[in-house]
PDB file of all heavy atoms in Angstrom:
ATOM      1  N   ARG A   1     230.139 178.993  76.232  1.00  0.00           N
ATOM      2  CA  ARG A   1     229.749 178.333  77.488  1.00  0.00           C
ATOM      3  C   ARG A   1     229.462 179.442  78.494  1.00  0.00           C
ATOM      4  O   ARG A   1     229.954 180.551  78.503  1.00  0.00           O
ATOM      5  CB  ARG A   1     230.846 177.448  77.959  1.00  0.00           C
ATOM      6  CG  ARG A   1     232.157 178.153  78.395  1.00  0.00           C
ATOM      7  CD  ARG A   1     233.274 177.067  78.672  1.00  0.00           C
ATOM      8  NE  ARG A   1     232.858 176.192  79.840  1.00  0.00           N
ATOM      9  CZ  ARG A   1     233.466 175.019  80.039  1.00  0.00           C
ATOM     10  NH1 ARG A   1     234.394 174.570  79.227  1.00  0.00           N
ATOM     11  NH2 ARG A   1     233.178 174.355  81.151  1.00  0.00           N
ATOM     12  N   ASP A   2     228.606 179.068  79.484  1.00  0.00           N
ATOM     13  CA  ASP A   2     228.260 179.921  80.557  1.00  0.00           C
ATOM     14  C   ASP A   2     228.496 179.015  81.824  1.00  0.00           C
ATOM     15  O   ASP A   2     227.723 178.201  82.170  1.00  0.00           O
ATOM     16  CB  ASP A   2     226.795 180.330  80.479  1.00  0.00           C
ATOM     17  CG  ASP A   2     226.383 181.325  81.607  1.00  0.00           C
ATOM     18  OD1 ASP A   2     227.102 181.373  82.650  1.00  0.00           O
ATOM     19  OD2 ASP A   2     225.419 182.099  81.465  1.00  0.00           O
ATOM     20  N   ASN A   3     229.660 179.322  82.416  1.00  0.00           N
ATOM     21  CA  ASN A   3     230.009 178.440  83.607  1.00  0.00           C
ATOM     22  C   ASN A   3     229.125 178.665  84.754  1.00  0.00           C
ATOM     23  O   ASN A   3     228.974 177.751  85.636  1.00  0.00           O
ATOM     24  CB  ASN A   3     231.494 178.673  83.987  1.00  0.00           C
ATOM     25  CG  ASN A   3     232.453 178.013  83.037  1.00  0.00           C
ATOM     26  OD1 ASN A   3     232.069 177.106  82.162  1.00  0.00           O
ATOM     27  ND2 ASN A   3     233.688 178.462  83.015  1.00  0.00           N
ATOM     28  N   ALA A   4     228.486 179.847  84.897  1.00  0.00           N
ATOM     29  CA  ALA A   4     227.539 180.079  85.985  1.00  0.00           C
ATOM     30  C   ALA A   4     226.243 179.232  85.812  1.00  0.00           C
ATOM     31  O   ALA A   4     225.624 178.968  86.831  1.00  0.00           O
ATOM     32  CB  ALA A   4     227.254 181.513  86.046  1.00  0.00           C
ATOM     33  N   LYS A   5     225.930 178.910  84.570  1.00  0.00           N
ATOM     34  CA  LYS A   5     224.788 178.143  84.308  1.00  0.00           C
ATOM     35  C   LYS A   5     225.023 176.695  83.948  1.00  0.00           C
ATOM     36  O   LYS A   5     224.124 175.953  83.589  1.00  0.00           O
ATOM     37  CB  LYS A   5     223.952 178.816  83.140  1.00  0.00           C
ATOM     38  CG  LYS A   5     223.405 180.176  83.464  1.00  0.00           C
ATOM     39  CD  LYS A   5     222.630 180.708  82.266  1.00  0.00           C
ATOM     40  CE  LYS A   5     222.000 182.085  82.650  1.00  0.00           C
ATOM     41  NZ  LYS A   5     221.236 182.564  81.513  1.00  0.00           N
ATOM     42  N   ASN A   6     226.289 176.308  84.030  1.00  0.00           N
ATOM     43  CA  ASN A   6     226.729 174.879  83.687  1.00  0.00           C
ATOM     44  C   ASN A   6     226.231 174.476  82.345  1.00  0.00           C
ATOM     45  O   ASN A   6     225.736 173.381  82.190  1.00  0.00           O
ATOM     46  CB  ASN A   6     226.198 173.961  84.752  1.00  0.00           C
ATOM     47  CG  ASN A   6     226.959 173.946  86.093  1.00  0.00           C
ATOM     48  OD1 ASN A   6     227.774 174.852  86.231  1.00  0.00           O
ATOM     49  ND2 ASN A   6     226.749 173.035  86.912  1.00  0.00           N
ATOM     50  N   THR A   7     226.295 175.401  81.363  1.00  0.00           N
ATOM     51  CA  THR A   7     225.788 175.099  80.064  1.00  0.00           C
ATOM     52  C   THR A   7     226.734 175.527  78.946  1.00  0.00           C
ATOM     53  O   THR A   7     227.433 176.551  79.046  1.00  0.00           O
ATOM     54  CB  THR A   7     224.499 175.890  79.867  1.00  0.00           C
ATOM     55  OG1 THR A   7     223.593 175.511  80.904  1.00  0.00           O
ATOM     56  CG2 THR A   7     223.841 175.562  78.507  1.00  0.00           C
ATOM     57  N   VAL A   8     226.839 174.653  77.915  1.00  0.00           N
ATOM     58  CA  VAL A   8     227.584 174.952  76.710  1.00  0.00           C
ATOM     59  C   VAL A   8     226.544 175.037  75.574  1.00  0.00           C
ATOM     60  O   VAL A   8     225.570 174.292  75.493  1.00  0.00           O
ATOM     61  CB  VAL A   8     228.648 173.932  76.419  1.00  0.00           C
ATOM     62  CG1 VAL A   8     228.112 172.539  76.267  1.00  0.00           C
ATOM     63  CG2 VAL A   8     229.547 174.341  75.240  1.00  0.00           C
ATOM     64  N   TYR A   9     226.856 175.904  74.631  1.00  0.00           N
ATOM     65  CA  TYR A   9     225.949 176.180  73.544  1.00  0.00           C
ATOM     66  C   TYR A   9     226.634 175.955  72.169  1.00  0.00           C
ATOM     67  O   TYR A   9     227.831 176.054  72.073  1.00  0.00           O
ATOM     68  CB  TYR A   9     225.456 177.606  73.565  1.00  0.00           C
ATOM     69  CG  TYR A   9     224.804 178.022  74.849  1.00  0.00           C
ATOM     70  CD1 TYR A   9     225.507 178.675  75.809  1.00  0.00           C
ATOM     71  CD2 TYR A   9     223.473 177.756  75.082  1.00  0.00           C
ATOM     72  CE1 TYR A   9     224.906 179.079  76.987  1.00  0.00           C
ATOM     73  CE2 TYR A   9     222.875 178.130  76.300  1.00  0.00           C
ATOM     74  CZ  TYR A   9     223.644 178.790  77.256  1.00  0.00           C
ATOM     75  OH  TYR A   9     223.027 179.147  78.430  1.00  0.00           O
ATOM     76  N   LEU A  10     225.803 175.633  71.182  1.00  0.00           N
ATOM     77  CA  LEU A  10     226.305 175.619  69.824  1.00  0.00           C
ATOM     78  C   LEU A  10     225.318 176.440  68.973  1.00  0.00           C
ATOM     79  O   LEU A  10     224.153 175.991  68.705  1.00  0.00           O
ATOM     80  CB  LEU A  10     226.498 174.202  69.272  1.00  0.00           C
ATOM     81  CG  LEU A  10     227.094 174.130  67.906  1.00  0.00           C
ATOM     82  CD1 LEU A  10     228.528 174.546  67.904  1.00  0.00           C
ATOM     83  CD2 LEU A  10     226.959 172.685  67.255  1.00  0.00           C
ATOM     84  N   GLN A  11     225.703 177.620  68.637  1.00  0.00           N
ATOM     85  CA  GLN A  11     224.902 178.462  67.711  1.00  0.00           C
ATOM     86  C   GLN A  11     225.246 178.038  66.287  1.00  0.00           C
ATOM     87  O   GLN A  11     226.310 178.102  65.853  1.00  0.00           O
ATOM     88  CB  GLN A  11     225.190 179.907  67.881  1.00  0.00           C
ATOM     89  CG  GLN A  11     224.431 180.852  66.977  1.00  0.00           C
ATOM     90  CD  GLN A  11     222.952 180.891  67.217  1.00  0.00           C
ATOM     91  OE1 GLN A  11     222.500 180.928  68.397  1.00  0.00           O
ATOM     92  NE2 GLN A  11     222.146 180.846  66.216  1.00  0.00           N
ATOM     93  N   MET A  12     224.192 177.646  65.581  1.00  0.00           N
ATOM     94  CA  MET A  12     224.329 177.152  64.152  1.00  0.00           C
ATOM     95  C   MET A  12     223.669 178.055  63.203  1.00  0.00           C
ATOM     96  O   MET A  12     222.411 178.210  63.240  1.00  0.00           O
ATOM     97  CB  MET A  12     223.751 175.701  64.059  1.00  0.00           C
ATOM     98  CG  MET A  12     224.277 174.718  65.071  1.00  0.00           C
ATOM     99  SD  MET A  12     223.331 173.206  65.169  1.00  0.00           S
ATOM    100  CE  MET A  12     223.539 172.532  63.533  1.00  0.00           C
ATOM    101  N   ASN A  13     224.324 178.795  62.392  1.00  0.00           N
ATOM    102  CA  ASN A  13     223.814 179.707  61.428  1.00  0.00           C
ATOM    103  C   ASN A  13     224.053 179.218  59.983  1.00  0.00           C
ATOM    104  O   ASN A  13     225.026 178.445  59.772  1.00  0.00           O
ATOM    105  CB  ASN A  13     224.429 181.056  61.600  1.00  0.00           C
ATOM    106  CG  ASN A  13     224.109 181.754  62.922  1.00  0.00           C
ATOM    107  OD1 ASN A  13     223.102 181.445  63.520  1.00  0.00           O
ATOM    108  ND2 ASN A  13     224.993 182.526  63.392  1.00  0.00           N
ATOM    109  N   ASN A  14     223.235 179.666  59.139  1.00  0.00           N
ATOM    110  CA  ASN A  14     223.422 179.242  57.702  1.00  0.00           C
ATOM    111  C   ASN A  14     223.566 177.791  57.525  1.00  0.00           C
ATOM    112  O   ASN A  14     224.454 177.261  56.849  1.00  0.00           O
ATOM    113  CB  ASN A  14     224.578 180.040  57.086  1.00  0.00           C
ATOM    114  CG  ASN A  14     224.632 179.887  55.529  1.00  0.00           C
ATOM    115  OD1 ASN A  14     223.624 179.563  54.909  1.00  0.00           O
ATOM    116  ND2 ASN A  14     225.796 179.991  54.944  1.00  0.00           N
ATOM    117  N   VAL A  15     222.688 177.014  58.143  1.00  0.00           N
ATOM    118  CA  VAL A  15     222.862 175.596  58.158  1.00  0.00           C
ATOM    119  C   VAL A  15     222.570 175.024  56.770  1.00  0.00           C
ATOM    120  O   VAL A  15     221.873 175.601  55.908  1.00  0.00           O
ATOM    121  CB  VAL A  15     221.836 174.961  59.195  1.00  0.00           C
ATOM    122  CG1 VAL A  15     222.235 175.336  60.569  1.00  0.00           C
ATOM    123  CG2 VAL A  15     220.347 175.295  58.887  1.00  0.00           C
ATOM    124  N   LYS A  16     223.146 173.847  56.582  1.00  0.00           N
ATOM    125  CA  LYS A  16     223.086 173.204  55.288  1.00  0.00           C
ATOM    126  C   LYS A  16     222.532 171.758  55.405  1.00  0.00           C
ATOM    127  O   LYS A  16     222.672 171.189  56.574  1.00  0.00           O
ATOM    128  CB  LYS A  16     224.523 173.109  54.674  1.00  0.00           C
ATOM    129  CG  LYS A  16     225.192 174.476  54.453  1.00  0.00           C
ATOM    130  CD  LYS A  16     226.596 174.287  53.951  1.00  0.00           C
ATOM    131  CE  LYS A  16     227.257 175.683  53.840  1.00  0.00           C
ATOM    132  NZ  LYS A  16     228.680 175.558  53.272  1.00  0.00           N
ATOM    133  N   PRO A  17     222.017 171.163  54.425  1.00  0.00           N
ATOM    134  CA  PRO A  17     221.482 169.835  54.573  1.00  0.00           C
ATOM    135  C   PRO A  17     222.586 168.807  55.072  1.00  0.00           C
ATOM    136  O   PRO A  17     222.256 167.912  55.770  1.00  0.00           O
ATOM    137  CB  PRO A  17     221.111 169.437  53.105  1.00  0.00           C
ATOM    138  CG  PRO A  17     220.741 170.739  52.500  1.00  0.00           C
ATOM    139  CD  PRO A  17     221.691 171.769  53.098  1.00  0.00           C
ATOM    140  N   GLU A  18     223.765 169.056  54.722  1.00  0.00           N
ATOM    141  CA  GLU A  18     224.865 168.163  55.188  1.00  0.00           C
ATOM    142  C   GLU A  18     225.132 168.291  56.698  1.00  0.00           C
ATOM    143  O   GLU A  18     225.945 167.594  57.217  1.00  0.00           O
ATOM    144  CB  GLU A  18     226.182 168.341  54.344  1.00  0.00           C
ATOM    145  CG  GLU A  18     226.603 169.889  54.246  1.00  0.00           C
ATOM    146  CD  GLU A  18     226.214 170.475  53.007  1.00  0.00           C
ATOM    147  OE1 GLU A  18     224.991 170.237  52.565  1.00  0.00           O
ATOM    148  OE2 GLU A  18     226.923 171.220  52.366  1.00  0.00           O
ATOM    149  N   ASP A  19     224.508 169.282  57.382  1.00  0.00           N
ATOM    150  CA  ASP A  19     224.660 169.403  58.787  1.00  0.00           C
ATOM    151  C   ASP A  19     223.681 168.481  59.510  1.00  0.00           C
ATOM    152  O   ASP A  19     223.713 168.364  60.757  1.00  0.00           O
ATOM    153  CB  ASP A  19     224.411 170.906  59.233  1.00  0.00           C
ATOM    154  CG  ASP A  19     225.436 171.822  58.760  1.00  0.00           C
ATOM    155  OD1 ASP A  19     226.603 171.517  58.756  1.00  0.00           O
ATOM    156  OD2 ASP A  19     225.040 172.934  58.365  1.00  0.00           O
ATOM    157  N   THR A  20     222.811 167.850  58.770  1.00  0.00           N
ATOM    158  CA  THR A  20     221.822 166.896  59.385  1.00  0.00           C
ATOM    159  C   THR A  20     222.567 165.775  60.062  1.00  0.00           C
ATOM    160  O   THR A  20     223.419 165.125  59.491  1.00  0.00           O
ATOM    161  CB  THR A  20     220.893 166.365  58.315  1.00  0.00           C
ATOM    162  OG1 THR A  20     220.143 167.439  57.771  1.00  0.00           O
ATOM    163  CG2 THR A  20     219.989 165.246  58.908  1.00  0.00           C
ATOM    164  N   ALA A  21     222.274 165.573  61.382  1.00  0.00           N
ATOM    165  CA  ALA A  21     222.919 164.584  62.190  1.00  0.00           C
ATOM    166  C   ALA A  21     222.329 164.574  63.582  1.00  0.00           C
ATOM    167  O   ALA A  21     221.576 165.503  63.940  1.00  0.00           O
ATOM    168  CB  ALA A  21     224.495 164.835  62.246  1.00  0.00           C
ATOM    169  N   VAL A  22     222.696 163.626  64.400  1.00  0.00           N
ATOM    170  CA  VAL A  22     222.537 163.768  65.816  1.00  0.00           C
ATOM    171  C   VAL A  22     223.767 164.404  66.422  1.00  0.00           C
ATOM    172  O   VAL A  22     224.898 164.012  66.182  1.00  0.00           O
ATOM    173  CB  VAL A  22     222.341 162.322  66.465  1.00  0.00           C
ATOM    174  CG1 VAL A  22     222.215 162.423  67.960  1.00  0.00           C
ATOM    175  CG2 VAL A  22     221.187 161.571  65.812  1.00  0.00           C
ATOM    176  N   TYR A  23     223.428 165.396  67.197  1.00  0.00           N
ATOM    177  CA  TYR A  23     224.540 166.233  67.862  1.00  0.00           C
ATOM    178  C   TYR A  23     224.709 165.824  69.310  1.00  0.00           C
ATOM    179  O   TYR A  23     223.715 165.771  70.040  1.00  0.00           O
ATOM    180  CB  TYR A  23     224.225 167.682  67.680  1.00  0.00           C
ATOM    181  CG  TYR A  23     224.516 168.232  66.307  1.00  0.00           C
ATOM    182  CD1 TYR A  23     223.643 167.853  65.212  1.00  0.00           C
ATOM    183  CD2 TYR A  23     225.608 169.030  65.995  1.00  0.00           C
ATOM    184  CE1 TYR A  23     223.966 168.317  63.958  1.00  0.00           C
ATOM    185  CE2 TYR A  23     225.873 169.504  64.726  1.00  0.00           C
ATOM    186  CZ  TYR A  23     225.056 169.136  63.692  1.00  0.00           C
ATOM    187  OH  TYR A  23     225.317 169.608  62.412  1.00  0.00           O
ATOM    188  N   TYR A  24     225.924 165.611  69.649  1.00  0.00           N
ATOM    189  CA  TYR A  24     226.277 165.200  71.005  1.00  0.00           C
ATOM    190  C   TYR A  24     227.191 166.224  71.653  1.00  0.00           C
ATOM    191  O   TYR A  24     228.159 166.692  70.962  1.00  0.00           O
ATOM    192  CB  TYR A  24     226.971 163.848  71.033  1.00  0.00           C
ATOM    193  CG  TYR A  24     226.226 162.704  70.474  1.00  0.00           C
ATOM    194  CD1 TYR A  24     226.267 162.407  69.081  1.00  0.00           C
ATOM    195  CD2 TYR A  24     225.434 161.876  71.224  1.00  0.00           C
ATOM    196  CE1 TYR A  24     225.509 161.306  68.554  1.00  0.00           C
ATOM    197  CE2 TYR A  24     224.691 160.824  70.763  1.00  0.00           C
ATOM    198  CZ  TYR A  24     224.786 160.569  69.385  1.00  0.00           C
ATOM    199  OH  TYR A  24     224.061 159.518  68.876  1.00  0.00           O
ATOM    200  N   CYS A  25     226.992 166.522  72.911  1.00  0.00           N
ATOM    201  CA  CYS A  25     228.033 167.270  73.681  1.00  0.00           C
ATOM    202  C   CYS A  25     228.823 166.287  74.555  1.00  0.00           C
ATOM    203  O   CYS A  25     228.308 165.202  74.879  1.00  0.00           O
ATOM    204  CB  CYS A  25     227.389 168.361  74.460  1.00  0.00           C
ATOM    205  SG  CYS A  25     226.466 167.898  75.931  1.00  0.00           S
ATOM    206  N   ALA A  26     229.996 166.682  74.826  1.00  0.00           N
ATOM    207  CA  ALA A  26     230.926 165.870  75.579  1.00  0.00           C
ATOM    208  C   ALA A  26     231.752 166.690  76.522  1.00  0.00           C
ATOM    209  O   ALA A  26     232.043 167.861  76.206  1.00  0.00           O
ATOM    210  CB  ALA A  26     231.826 165.045  74.628  1.00  0.00           C
ATOM    211  N   ALA A  27     232.223 166.047  77.649  1.00  0.00           N
ATOM    212  CA  ALA A  27     233.027 166.714  78.676  1.00  0.00           C
ATOM    213  C   ALA A  27     234.313 165.998  78.824  1.00  0.00           C
ATOM    214  O   ALA A  27     234.307 164.793  78.934  1.00  0.00           O
ATOM    215  CB  ALA A  27     232.236 166.854  79.918  1.00  0.00           C
ATOM    216  N   ASP A  28     235.444 166.713  78.959  1.00  0.00           N
ATOM    217  CA  ASP A  28     236.732 166.162  79.209  1.00  0.00           C
ATOM    218  C   ASP A  28     237.387 166.983  80.314  1.00  0.00           C
ATOM    219  O   ASP A  28     237.606 168.174  80.206  1.00  0.00           O
ATOM    220  CB  ASP A  28     237.613 166.225  77.944  1.00  0.00           C
ATOM    221  CG  ASP A  28     238.996 165.796  78.203  1.00  0.00           C
ATOM    222  OD1 ASP A  28     239.201 164.763  78.858  1.00  0.00           O
ATOM    223  OD2 ASP A  28     239.912 166.509  77.704  1.00  0.00           O
ATOM    224  N   ARG A  29     237.677 166.329  81.373  1.00  0.00           N
ATOM    225  CA  ARG A  29     238.333 166.984  82.561  1.00  0.00           C
ATOM    226  C   ARG A  29     239.845 167.332  82.223  1.00  0.00           C
ATOM    227  O   ARG A  29     240.619 166.457  81.855  1.00  0.00           O
ATOM    228  CB  ARG A  29     238.330 166.178  83.813  1.00  0.00           C
ATOM    229  CG  ARG A  29     238.678 166.870  85.068  1.00  0.00           C
ATOM    230  CD  ARG A  29     238.116 166.114  86.222  1.00  0.00           C
ATOM    231  NE  ARG A  29     238.195 166.994  87.414  1.00  0.00           N
ATOM    232  CZ  ARG A  29     237.620 166.641  88.614  1.00  0.00           C
ATOM    233  NH1 ARG A  29     236.997 165.485  88.714  1.00  0.00           N
ATOM    234  NH2 ARG A  29     237.709 167.450  89.657  1.00  0.00           N
ATOM    235  N   ARG A  30     240.094 168.632  82.329  1.00  0.00           N
ATOM    236  CA  ARG A  30     241.438 169.150  81.860  1.00  0.00           C
ATOM    237  C   ARG A  30     242.018 170.013  82.984  1.00  0.00           C
ATOM    238  O   ARG A  30     241.315 170.763  83.661  1.00  0.00           O
ATOM    239  CB  ARG A  30     241.251 169.966  80.632  1.00  0.00           C
ATOM    240  CG  ARG A  30     241.018 169.165  79.380  1.00  0.00           C
ATOM    241  CD  ARG A  30     242.275 168.577  78.780  1.00  0.00           C
ATOM    242  NE  ARG A  30     242.082 167.387  78.006  1.00  0.00           N
ATOM    243  CZ  ARG A  30     242.993 166.773  77.265  1.00  0.00           C
ATOM    244  NH1 ARG A  30     244.191 167.207  77.284  1.00  0.00           N
ATOM    245  NH2 ARG A  30     242.727 165.693  76.635  1.00  0.00           N
ATOM    246  N   ILE A  31     243.305 169.966  83.150  1.00  0.00           N
ATOM    247  CA  ILE A  31     244.012 170.773  84.058  1.00  0.00           C
ATOM    248  C   ILE A  31     244.223 172.161  83.453  1.00  0.00           C
ATOM    249  O   ILE A  31     243.976 173.178  84.004  1.00  0.00           O
ATOM    250  CB  ILE A  31     245.416 170.189  84.432  1.00  0.00           C
ATOM    251  CG1 ILE A  31     245.201 168.900  85.247  1.00  0.00           C
ATOM    252  CG2 ILE A  31     246.167 171.204  85.295  1.00  0.00           C
ATOM    253  CD1 ILE A  31     246.428 168.212  85.602  1.00  0.00           C
ATOM    254  N   SER A  32     244.626 172.163  82.146  1.00  0.00           N
ATOM    255  CA  SER A  32     244.846 173.398  81.444  1.00  0.00           C
ATOM    256  C   SER A  32     243.555 174.205  81.236  1.00  0.00           C
ATOM    257  O   SER A  32     242.631 173.611  80.655  1.00  0.00           O
ATOM    258  CB  SER A  32     245.577 173.195  80.179  1.00  0.00           C
ATOM    259  OG  SER A  32     245.596 174.397  79.333  1.00  0.00           O
ATOM    260  N   PRO A  33     243.492 175.430  81.623  1.00  0.00           N
ATOM    261  CA  PRO A  33     242.203 176.171  81.416  1.00  0.00           C
ATOM    262  C   PRO A  33     241.976 176.627  79.949  1.00  0.00           C
ATOM    263  O   PRO A  33     240.885 177.016  79.591  1.00  0.00           O
ATOM    264  CB  PRO A  33     242.388 177.402  82.253  1.00  0.00           C
ATOM    265  CG  PRO A  33     243.814 177.605  82.356  1.00  0.00           C
ATOM    266  CD  PRO A  33     244.543 176.271  82.351  1.00  0.00           C
ATOM    267  N   SER A  34     243.019 176.531  79.127  1.00  0.00           N
ATOM    268  CA  SER A  34     242.882 177.056  77.717  1.00  0.00           C
ATOM    269  C   SER A  34     243.024 176.028  76.676  1.00  0.00           C
ATOM    270  O   SER A  34     243.113 176.415  75.428  1.00  0.00           O
ATOM    271  CB  SER A  34     243.956 178.167  77.455  1.00  0.00           C
ATOM    272  OG  SER A  34     243.786 179.193  78.500  1.00  0.00           O
ATOM    273  N   THR A  35     242.893 174.766  76.972  1.00  0.00           N
ATOM    274  CA  THR A  35     243.108 173.729  75.927  1.00  0.00           C
ATOM    275  C   THR A  35     241.756 173.378  75.394  1.00  0.00           C
ATOM    276  O   THR A  35     240.701 173.152  76.176  1.00  0.00           O
ATOM    277  CB  THR A  35     243.681 172.463  76.558  1.00  0.00           C
ATOM    278  OG1 THR A  35     245.005 172.824  77.123  1.00  0.00           O
ATOM    279  CG2 THR A  35     243.817 171.301  75.609  1.00  0.00           C
ATOM    280  N   THR A  36     241.676 173.211  74.105  1.00  0.00           N
ATOM    281  CA  THR A  36     240.507 172.611  73.429  1.00  0.00           C
ATOM    282  C   THR A  36     240.803 171.197  73.020  1.00  0.00           C
ATOM    283  O   THR A  36     241.983 170.894  72.664  1.00  0.00           O
ATOM    284  CB  THR A  36     240.006 173.445  72.229  1.00  0.00           C
ATOM    285  OG1 THR A  36     241.084 173.478  71.276  1.00  0.00           O
ATOM    286  CG2 THR A  36     239.625 174.857  72.676  1.00  0.00           C
ATOM    287  N   VAL A  37     239.839 170.338  72.938  1.00  0.00           N
ATOM    288  CA  VAL A  37     240.037 168.892  72.673  1.00  0.00           C
ATOM    289  C   VAL A  37     239.207 168.536  71.477  1.00  0.00           C
ATOM    290  O   VAL A  37     237.980 168.650  71.485  1.00  0.00           O
ATOM    291  CB  VAL A  37     239.679 168.091  73.923  1.00  0.00           C
ATOM    292  CG1 VAL A  37     239.962 166.551  73.672  1.00  0.00           C
ATOM    293  CG2 VAL A  37     240.385 168.527  75.184  1.00  0.00           C
ATOM    294  N   GLN A  38     239.893 168.046  70.417  1.00  0.00           N
ATOM    295  CA  GLN A  38     239.211 167.643  69.219  1.00  0.00           C
ATOM    296  C   GLN A  38     239.077 166.096  69.070  1.00  0.00           C
ATOM    297  O   GLN A  38     238.318 165.689  68.164  1.00  0.00           O
ATOM    298  CB  GLN A  38     239.894 168.212  68.003  1.00  0.00           C
ATOM    299  CG  GLN A  38     239.949 169.739  68.024  1.00  0.00           C
ATOM    300  CD  GLN A  38     240.555 170.328  66.772  1.00  0.00           C
ATOM    301  OE1 GLN A  38     240.730 169.602  65.782  1.00  0.00           O
ATOM    302  NE2 GLN A  38     240.916 171.620  66.774  1.00  0.00           N
ATOM    303  N   ILE A  39     239.765 165.326  69.944  1.00  0.00           N
ATOM    304  CA  ILE A  39     239.785 163.895  69.807  1.00  0.00           C
ATOM    305  C   ILE A  39     238.630 163.305  70.498  1.00  0.00           C
ATOM    306  O   ILE A  39     238.435 163.467  71.723  1.00  0.00           O
ATOM    307  CB  ILE A  39     241.107 163.339  70.286  1.00  0.00           C
ATOM    308  CG1 ILE A  39     242.285 164.087  69.578  1.00  0.00           C
ATOM    309  CG2 ILE A  39     241.182 161.879  70.180  1.00  0.00           C
ATOM    310  CD1 ILE A  39     243.634 163.689  70.132  1.00  0.00           C
ATOM    311  N   LEU A  40     237.848 162.570  69.762  1.00  0.00           N
ATOM    312  CA  LEU A  40     236.629 161.921  70.305  1.00  0.00           C
ATOM    313  C   LEU A  40     236.950 161.052  71.598  1.00  0.00           C
ATOM    314  O   LEU A  40     236.233 161.127  72.609  1.00  0.00           O
ATOM    315  CB  LEU A  40     235.982 161.051  69.289  1.00  0.00           C
ATOM    316  CG  LEU A  40     234.589 160.386  69.552  1.00  0.00           C
ATOM    317  CD1 LEU A  40     233.815 160.298  68.330  1.00  0.00           C
ATOM    318  CD2 LEU A  40     234.803 158.991  70.140  1.00  0.00           C
ATOM    319  N   ASN A  41     238.005 160.276  71.442  1.00  0.00           N
ATOM    320  CA  ASN A  41     238.297 159.277  72.572  1.00  0.00           C
ATOM    321  C   ASN A  41     238.796 159.965  73.832  1.00  0.00           C
ATOM    322  O   ASN A  41     238.936 159.309  74.838  1.00  0.00           O
ATOM    323  CB  ASN A  41     239.290 158.218  72.056  1.00  0.00           C
ATOM    324  CG  ASN A  41     238.678 157.294  71.043  1.00  0.00           C
ATOM    325  OD1 ASN A  41     237.419 157.123  71.039  1.00  0.00           O
ATOM    326  ND2 ASN A  41     239.442 156.633  70.237  1.00  0.00           N
ATOM    327  N   ALA A  42     239.141 161.210  73.784  1.00  0.00           N
ATOM    328  CA  ALA A  42     239.654 161.917  74.937  1.00  0.00           C
ATOM    329  C   ALA A  42     238.491 162.265  75.880  1.00  0.00           C
ATOM    330  O   ALA A  42     238.729 162.587  77.021  1.00  0.00           O
ATOM    331  CB  ALA A  42     240.426 163.128  74.539  1.00  0.00           C
ATOM    332  N   TYR A  43     237.355 162.386  75.370  1.00  0.00           N
ATOM    333  CA  TYR A  43     236.198 162.753  76.219  1.00  0.00           C
ATOM    334  C   TYR A  43     235.693 161.721  77.162  1.00  0.00           C
ATOM    335  O   TYR A  43     235.602 160.494  76.805  1.00  0.00           O
ATOM    336  CB  TYR A  43     235.066 163.288  75.369  1.00  0.00           C
ATOM    337  CG  TYR A  43     235.324 164.605  74.768  1.00  0.00           C
ATOM    338  CD1 TYR A  43     236.093 164.810  73.597  1.00  0.00           C
ATOM    339  CD2 TYR A  43     234.955 165.802  75.453  1.00  0.00           C
ATOM    340  CE1 TYR A  43     236.369 166.040  73.122  1.00  0.00           C
ATOM    341  CE2 TYR A  43     235.210 167.059  75.003  1.00  0.00           C
ATOM    342  CZ  TYR A  43     235.943 167.209  73.792  1.00  0.00           C
ATOM    343  OH  TYR A  43     236.251 168.447  73.323  1.00  0.00           O
ATOM    344  N   ASP A  44     235.355 162.139  78.359  1.00  0.00           N
ATOM    345  CA  ASP A  44     234.997 161.189  79.407  1.00  0.00           C
ATOM    346  C   ASP A  44     233.484 160.994  79.501  1.00  0.00           C
ATOM    347  O   ASP A  44     233.019 159.870  79.888  1.00  0.00           O
ATOM    348  CB  ASP A  44     235.464 161.672  80.794  1.00  0.00           C
ATOM    349  CG  ASP A  44     237.030 161.984  80.787  1.00  0.00           C
ATOM    350  OD1 ASP A  44     237.729 160.989  80.477  1.00  0.00           O
ATOM    351  OD2 ASP A  44     237.351 163.067  81.168  1.00  0.00           O
TER     352      ASP A  44
END
């Protein structure tokens, strides 16, 4: 992520046919600066 540009990236290397999909980004407001969120329903 680049917080100065308000942008998050996903670099995909060595892609495979099983990576075929619609890709979505999501945002979840968090107090903790170091928490990652893997649960779909947690995203706002």
